Amino acid sequence: MKKLGISIIAILVSLIIGCSSPTEPFVSGHPNISIVYDVESSWAPDSNWIAYFHGATSIGDTIGVYVIRNDGTDRRLLVPFPNGRTPQWKPIGNEFVHGSYLDNHLYIYNFSDFSSRQISHDSLQKLAPAWHPNGEEIIFSVSVGPDSVIGIWSLDVSSGDTQLVINAYPGQPSFSPTGNRPKLSDSSPSRRF
């Protein structure tokens, strides 16, 4: 367990150090400040890669979905902003789902052949996607959008069909390891549906 903790710390340090080389910060009114953040991380099923969203305010630092090896090496930009956000690895295989700021759709990125395919076709603003353990369904949060109902929705990966699961203030949905119990976490006490 101690070795795992040390590995995680090493990865976080390498991400922070390796993600930015600010050449000209543009935080308004503060010429010496640049903001770099790496969030929404997700481990690949084989534990060799971590996908995450990288944001920055430095000129020359590209925002988007990156992957990095578990030892902090081989950092790669896979989906540049505004097309990439909130990556989540599929429980089995070499793919992850990601959202898009550009069109609010969900896409599956295949890490084997570096291709991406759109899997949603509605106007819902999809946030925080989470895979069902069987890899056939994704749940996501909807907070705003034209004609959309706020809550947690599910998407059938093969058909692209969506359906409202719970009409409640959205948060970060997830599934139990067996998939029989979705959970919603937000700033209020934990709610289950």
C-alpha atoms as a PDB file:
ATOM      1  CA  MET A   1       0.000   0.000   0.000  1.00  0.00           C
ATOM      2  CA  LYS A   2       2.883   2.347   0.818  1.00  0.00           C
ATOM      3  CA  LYS A   3       4.378   1.678  -2.647  1.00  0.00           C
ATOM      4  CA  LEU A   4       1.049   2.600  -4.298  1.00  0.00           C
ATOM      5  CA  GLY A   5       0.902   5.858  -2.302  1.00  0.00           C
ATOM      6  CA  ILE A   6       4.449   6.760  -3.335  1.00  0.00           C
ATOM      7  CA  SER A   7       3.629   5.974  -6.976  1.00  0.00           C
ATOM      8  CA  ILE A   8       0.564   8.211  -6.891  1.00  0.00           C
ATOM      9  CA  ILE A   9       2.553  11.071  -5.359  1.00  0.00           C
ATOM     10  CA  ALA A  10       5.275  10.636  -8.008  1.00  0.00           C
ATOM     11  CA  ILE A  11       2.680  10.748 -10.779  1.00  0.00           C
ATOM     12  CA  LEU A  12       1.043  13.877  -9.396  1.00  0.00           C
ATOM     13  CA  VAL A  13       4.401  15.637  -9.049  1.00  0.00           C
ATOM     14  CA  SER A  14       5.423  14.700 -12.589  1.00  0.00           C
ATOM     15  CA  LEU A  15       2.064  15.889 -13.916  1.00  0.00           C
ATOM     16  CA  ILE A  16       2.363  19.241 -12.188  1.00  0.00           C
ATOM     17  CA  ILE A  17       5.979  19.756 -13.221  1.00  0.00           C
ATOM     18  CA  GLY A  18       5.619  18.380 -16.750  1.00  0.00           C
ATOM     19  CA  CYS A  19       2.370  20.000 -17.792  1.00  0.00           C
ATOM     20  CA  SER A  20       3.359  23.597 -18.088  1.00  0.00           C
ATOM     21  CA  SER A  21       6.139  25.641 -19.496  1.00  0.00           C
ATOM     22  CA  PRO A  22       4.567  29.089 -19.300  1.00  0.00           C
ATOM     23  CA  THR A  23       6.023  31.480 -21.812  1.00  0.00           C
ATOM     24  CA  GLU A  24       3.562  34.340 -21.390  1.00  0.00           C
ATOM     25  CA  PRO A  25       0.881  34.010 -18.722  1.00  0.00           C
ATOM     26  CA  PHE A  26      -2.347  35.810 -19.418  1.00  0.00           C
ATOM     27  CA  VAL A  27      -4.164  35.932 -16.113  1.00  0.00           C
ATOM     28  CA  SER A  28      -5.640  39.405 -16.391  1.00  0.00           C
ATOM     29  CA  GLY A  29      -3.780  41.973 -14.310  1.00  0.00           C
ATOM     30  CA  HIS A  30      -1.241  39.459 -12.998  1.00  0.00           C
ATOM     31  CA  PRO A  31       1.619  39.104 -15.505  1.00  0.00           C
ATOM     32  CA  ASN A  32       3.556  36.530 -13.454  1.00  0.00           C
ATOM     33  CA  ILE A  33       0.712  34.111 -12.772  1.00  0.00           C
ATOM     34  CA  SER A  34      -0.287  31.176 -14.907  1.00  0.00           C
ATOM     35  CA  ILE A  35      -2.836  28.605 -13.861  1.00  0.00           C
ATOM     36  CA  VAL A  36      -2.347  24.952 -14.732  1.00  0.00           C
ATOM     37  CA  TYR A  37      -4.648  22.200 -13.561  1.00  0.00           C
ATOM     38  CA  ASP A  38      -5.034  18.503 -14.270  1.00  0.00           C
ATOM     39  CA  VAL A  39      -8.417  17.090 -13.248  1.00  0.00           C
ATOM     40  CA  GLU A  40     -10.977  14.393 -14.071  1.00  0.00           C
ATOM     41  CA  SER A  41      -8.405  11.594 -14.114  1.00  0.00           C
ATOM     42  CA  SER A  42      -9.281   8.002 -14.913  1.00  0.00           C
ATOM     43  CA  TRP A  43      -7.098   4.874 -14.831  1.00  0.00           C
ATOM     44  CA  ALA A  44      -7.017   2.507 -17.806  1.00  0.00           C
ATOM     45  CA  PRO A  45      -8.208  -1.026 -16.965  1.00  0.00           C
ATOM     46  CA  ASP A  46      -4.651  -2.373 -17.313  1.00  0.00           C
ATOM     47  CA  SER A  47      -3.386   0.383 -14.947  1.00  0.00           C
ATOM     48  CA  ASN A  48      -0.675   1.397 -17.442  1.00  0.00           C
ATOM     49  CA  TRP A  49      -2.243   4.731 -18.473  1.00  0.00           C
ATOM     50  CA  ILE A  50      -4.107   7.616 -16.872  1.00  0.00           C
ATOM     51  CA  ALA A  51      -6.424   9.826 -18.931  1.00  0.00           C
ATOM     52  CA  TYR A  52      -7.129  13.328 -17.616  1.00  0.00           C
ATOM     53  CA  PHE A  53      -8.251  16.811 -18.566  1.00  0.00           C
ATOM     54  CA  HIS A  54      -5.449  19.391 -18.640  1.00  0.00           C
ATOM     55  CA  GLY A  55      -6.318  23.067 -18.396  1.00  0.00           C
ATOM     56  CA  ALA A  56      -3.989  26.049 -18.494  1.00  0.00           C
ATOM     57  CA  THR A  57      -3.800  29.795 -18.963  1.00  0.00           C
ATOM     58  CA  SER A  58      -0.320  29.826 -20.472  1.00  0.00           C
ATOM     59  CA  ILE A  59       0.254  30.629 -24.111  1.00  0.00           C
ATOM     60  CA  GLY A  60       1.674  27.564 -25.825  1.00  0.00           C
ATOM     61  CA  ASP A  61       0.191  25.096 -23.339  1.00  0.00           C
ATOM     62  CA  THR A  62      -2.569  23.085 -25.031  1.00  0.00           C
ATOM     63  CA  ILE A  63      -5.799  22.393 -23.159  1.00  0.00           C
ATOM     64  CA  GLY A  64      -7.509  19.042 -23.675  1.00  0.00           C
ATOM     65  CA  VAL A  65      -7.628  15.344 -22.809  1.00  0.00           C
ATOM     66  CA  TYR A  66      -4.215  13.795 -22.263  1.00  0.00           C
ATOM     67  CA  VAL A  67      -2.912  10.370 -21.322  1.00  0.00           C
ATOM     68  CA  ILE A  68       0.257   9.650 -19.410  1.00  0.00           C
ATOM     69  CA  ARG A  69       1.938   6.395 -18.376  1.00  0.00           C
ATOM     70  CA  ASN A  70       1.538   5.390 -14.742  1.00  0.00           C
ATOM     71  CA  ASP A  71       5.199   6.259 -14.124  1.00  0.00           C
ATOM     72  CA  GLY A  72       4.697   9.867 -15.314  1.00  0.00           C
ATOM     73  CA  THR A  73       6.317   9.423 -18.743  1.00  0.00           C
ATOM     74  CA  ASP A  74       5.011   9.522 -22.323  1.00  0.00           C
ATOM     75  CA  ARG A  75       2.461  12.325 -21.924  1.00  0.00           C
ATOM     76  CA  ARG A  76       0.249  12.639 -25.024  1.00  0.00           C
ATOM     77  CA  LEU A  77      -2.468  15.065 -26.067  1.00  0.00           C
ATOM     78  CA  LEU A  78      -5.255  12.969 -27.582  1.00  0.00           C
ATOM     79  CA  VAL A  79      -8.287  15.260 -27.775  1.00  0.00           C
ATOM     80  CA  PRO A  80      -7.613  19.025 -27.882  1.00  0.00           C
ATOM     81  CA  PHE A  81      -9.985  21.572 -26.371  1.00  0.00           C
ATOM     82  CA  PRO A  82     -12.837  22.339 -27.016  1.00  0.00           C
ATOM     83  CA  ASN A  83     -13.502  18.767 -28.147  1.00  0.00           C
ATOM     84  CA  GLY A  84     -12.191  17.001 -25.059  1.00  0.00           C
ATOM     85  CA  ARG A  85     -13.284  16.911 -21.419  1.00  0.00           C
ATOM     86  CA  THR A  86     -14.097  14.418 -18.629  1.00  0.00           C
ATOM     87  CA  PRO A  87     -12.390  11.240 -19.895  1.00  0.00           C
ATOM     88  CA  GLN A  88     -13.479   7.946 -18.332  1.00  0.00           C
ATOM     89  CA  TRP A  89     -11.894   4.630 -19.339  1.00  0.00           C
ATOM     90  CA  LYS A  90     -14.172   1.795 -20.328  1.00  0.00           C
ATOM     91  CA  PRO A  91     -13.986  -0.978 -17.698  1.00  0.00           C
ATOM     92  CA  ILE A  92     -12.775  -3.476 -20.307  1.00  0.00           C
ATOM     93  CA  GLY A  93     -10.627  -2.731 -23.345  1.00  0.00           C
ATOM     94  CA  ASN A  94      -8.700   0.208 -24.693  1.00  0.00           C
ATOM     95  CA  GLU A  95     -11.306   2.963 -25.021  1.00  0.00           C
ATOM     96  CA  PHE A  96     -12.522   5.917 -22.998  1.00  0.00           C
ATOM     97  CA  VAL A  97     -15.590   8.109 -23.225  1.00  0.00           C
ATOM     98  CA  HIS A  98     -15.171  11.874 -23.268  1.00  0.00           C
ATOM     99  CA  GLY A  99     -17.434  14.867 -23.544  1.00  0.00           C
ATOM    100  CA  SER A 100     -17.090  17.871 -25.828  1.00  0.00           C
ATOM    101  CA  TYR A 101     -17.446  21.552 -24.944  1.00  0.00           C
ATOM    102  CA  LEU A 102     -17.945  22.232 -28.644  1.00  0.00           C
ATOM    103  CA  ASP A 103     -21.161  20.284 -29.243  1.00  0.00           C
ATOM    104  CA  ASN A 104     -22.072  18.696 -25.850  1.00  0.00           C
ATOM    105  CA  HIS A 105     -21.921  15.187 -27.325  1.00  0.00           C
ATOM    106  CA  LEU A 106     -20.212  12.109 -25.940  1.00  0.00           C
ATOM    107  CA  TYR A 107     -17.478  10.385 -27.931  1.00  0.00           C
ATOM    108  CA  ILE A 108     -15.586   7.137 -27.540  1.00  0.00           C
ATOM    109  CA  TYR A 109     -11.859   7.412 -28.138  1.00  0.00           C
ATOM    110  CA  ASN A 110     -10.105   4.206 -29.191  1.00  0.00           C
ATOM    111  CA  PHE A 111      -6.582   4.245 -27.767  1.00  0.00           C
ATOM    112  CA  SER A 112      -5.504   1.354 -30.039  1.00  0.00           C
ATOM    113  CA  ASP A 113      -6.052   3.142 -33.359  1.00  0.00           C
ATOM    114  CA  PHE A 114      -6.371   6.759 -32.075  1.00  0.00           C
ATOM    115  CA  SER A 115      -9.861   7.197 -33.544  1.00  0.00           C
ATOM    116  CA  SER A 116     -12.883   8.875 -32.026  1.00  0.00           C
ATOM    117  CA  ARG A 117     -16.571   8.281 -32.737  1.00  0.00           C
ATOM    118  CA  GLN A 118     -19.647  10.194 -31.635  1.00  0.00           C
ATOM    119  CA  ILE A 119     -22.126   8.107 -29.626  1.00  0.00           C
ATOM    120  CA  SER A 120     -24.770  10.678 -28.622  1.00  0.00           C
ATOM    121  CA  HIS A 121     -27.130  12.532 -30.925  1.00  0.00           C
ATOM    122  CA  ASP A 122     -29.346  14.770 -28.789  1.00  0.00           C
ATOM    123  CA  SER A 123     -29.114  18.326 -27.438  1.00  0.00           C
ATOM    124  CA  LEU A 124     -28.474  17.427 -23.777  1.00  0.00           C
ATOM    125  CA  GLN A 125     -25.411  19.020 -22.196  1.00  0.00           C
ATOM    126  CA  LYS A 126     -23.610  15.912 -20.983  1.00  0.00           C
ATOM    127  CA  LEU A 127     -21.285  16.155 -17.973  1.00  0.00           C
ATOM    128  CA  ALA A 128     -19.402  13.627 -15.837  1.00  0.00           C
ATOM    129  CA  PRO A 129     -19.906  10.416 -17.863  1.00  0.00           C
ATOM    130  CA  ALA A 130     -19.482   7.106 -16.028  1.00  0.00           C
ATOM    131  CA  TRP A 131     -19.395   3.594 -17.508  1.00  0.00           C
ATOM    132  CA  HIS A 132     -21.527   0.710 -16.360  1.00  0.00           C
ATOM    133  CA  PRO A 133     -19.157  -2.187 -15.517  1.00  0.00           C
ATOM    134  CA  ASN A 134     -20.461  -4.161 -18.530  1.00  0.00           C
ATOM    135  CA  GLY A 135     -19.303  -1.388 -20.908  1.00  0.00           C
ATOM    136  CA  GLU A 136     -22.689  -1.180 -22.647  1.00  0.00           C
ATOM    137  CA  GLU A 137     -24.196   1.812 -20.848  1.00  0.00           C
ATOM    138  CA  ILE A 138     -22.995   5.231 -19.725  1.00  0.00           C
ATOM    139  CA  ILE A 139     -24.688   7.478 -17.195  1.00  0.00           C
ATOM    140  CA  PHE A 140     -24.103  11.220 -17.180  1.00  0.00           C
ATOM    141  CA  SER A 141     -25.259  14.404 -15.531  1.00  0.00           C
ATOM    142  CA  VAL A 142     -27.317  17.159 -17.222  1.00  0.00           C
ATOM    143  CA  SER A 143     -27.488  20.585 -15.588  1.00  0.00           C
ATOM    144  CA  VAL A 144     -28.534  22.923 -18.413  1.00  0.00           C
ATOM    145  CA  GLY A 145     -29.492  22.840 -22.070  1.00  0.00           C
ATOM    146  CA  PRO A 146     -32.267  23.628 -24.486  1.00  0.00           C
ATOM    147  CA  ASP A 147     -35.410  21.683 -23.605  1.00  0.00           C
ATOM    148  CA  SER A 148     -33.458  19.397 -21.279  1.00  0.00           C
ATOM    149  CA  VAL A 149     -34.537  17.946 -17.979  1.00  0.00           C
ATOM    150  CA  ILE A 150     -31.993  18.381 -15.199  1.00  0.00           C
ATOM    151  CA  GLY A 151     -30.854  15.098 -13.679  1.00  0.00           C
ATOM    152  CA  ILE A 152     -28.987  11.887 -14.354  1.00  0.00           C
ATOM    153  CA  TRP A 153     -29.438  10.257 -17.741  1.00  0.00           C
ATOM    154  CA  SER A 154     -28.313   6.955 -19.241  1.00  0.00           C
ATOM    155  CA  LEU A 155     -27.067   6.314 -22.762  1.00  0.00           C
ATOM    156  CA  ASP A 156     -27.084   2.951 -24.540  1.00  0.00           C
ATOM    157  CA  VAL A 157     -23.674   2.831 -26.225  1.00  0.00           C
ATOM    158  CA  SER A 158     -24.764   0.703 -29.200  1.00  0.00           C
ATOM    159  CA  SER A 159     -27.929   2.651 -30.094  1.00  0.00           C
ATOM    160  CA  GLY A 160     -27.171   6.122 -28.713  1.00  0.00           C
ATOM    161  CA  ASP A 161     -30.606   6.196 -27.058  1.00  0.00           C
ATOM    162  CA  THR A 162     -30.861   8.275 -23.882  1.00  0.00           C
ATOM    163  CA  GLN A 163     -33.304   8.074 -21.029  1.00  0.00           C
ATOM    164  CA  LEU A 164     -33.827  10.013 -17.806  1.00  0.00           C
ATOM    165  CA  VAL A 165     -32.825   7.910 -14.794  1.00  0.00           C
ATOM    166  CA  ILE A 166     -33.528  10.400 -12.013  1.00  0.00           C
ATOM    167  CA  ASN A 167     -34.923  13.917 -12.118  1.00  0.00           C
ATOM    168  CA  ALA A 168     -32.787  15.547  -9.440  1.00  0.00           C
ATOM    169  CA  TYR A 169     -30.026  18.101  -9.100  1.00  0.00           C
ATOM    170  CA  PRO A 170     -27.136  16.540 -11.012  1.00  0.00           C
ATOM    171  CA  GLY A 171     -23.817  15.605  -9.520  1.00  0.00           C
ATOM    172  CA  GLN A 172     -21.114  13.052 -10.236  1.00  0.00           C
ATOM    173  CA  PRO A 173     -22.845   9.754 -11.086  1.00  0.00           C
ATOM    174  CA  SER A 174     -21.091   6.407 -10.771  1.00  0.00           C
ATOM    175  CA  PHE A 175     -21.904   2.711 -10.592  1.00  0.00           C
ATOM    176  CA  SER A 176     -21.075   0.155  -7.955  1.00  0.00           C
ATOM    177  CA  PRO A 177     -18.456  -2.404  -9.128  1.00  0.00           C
ATOM    178  CA  THR A 178     -21.248  -4.886  -9.960  1.00  0.00           C
ATOM    179  CA  GLY A 179     -23.307  -2.243 -11.783  1.00  0.00           C
ATOM    180  CA  ASN A 180     -26.501  -3.000  -9.920  1.00  0.00           C
ATOM    181  CA  ARG A 181     -26.470   0.214  -7.931  1.00  0.00           C
ATOM    182  CA  PRO A 182     -25.795   3.636  -9.454  1.00  0.00           C
ATOM    183  CA  LYS A 183     -24.796   6.376  -7.021  1.00  0.00           C
ATOM    184  CA  LEU A 184     -24.953  10.152  -7.224  1.00  0.00           C
ATOM    185  CA  SER A 185     -22.483  12.332  -5.350  1.00  0.00           C
ATOM    186  CA  ASP A 186     -22.839  16.075  -5.063  1.00  0.00           C
ATOM    187  CA  SER A 187     -22.503  18.811  -2.444  1.00  0.00           C
ATOM    188  CA  SER A 188     -25.590  17.579  -0.623  1.00  0.00           C
ATOM    189  CA  PRO A 189     -25.578  14.306   1.320  1.00  0.00           C
ATOM    190  CA  SER A 190     -24.990  11.269  -0.876  1.00  0.00           C
ATOM    191  CA  ARG A 191     -28.110  10.127  -2.683  1.00  0.00           C
ATOM    192  CA  ARG A 192     -28.774   6.789  -4.272  1.00  0.00           C
ATOM    193  CA  PHE A 193     -31.285   5.942  -6.969  1.00  0.00           C
END
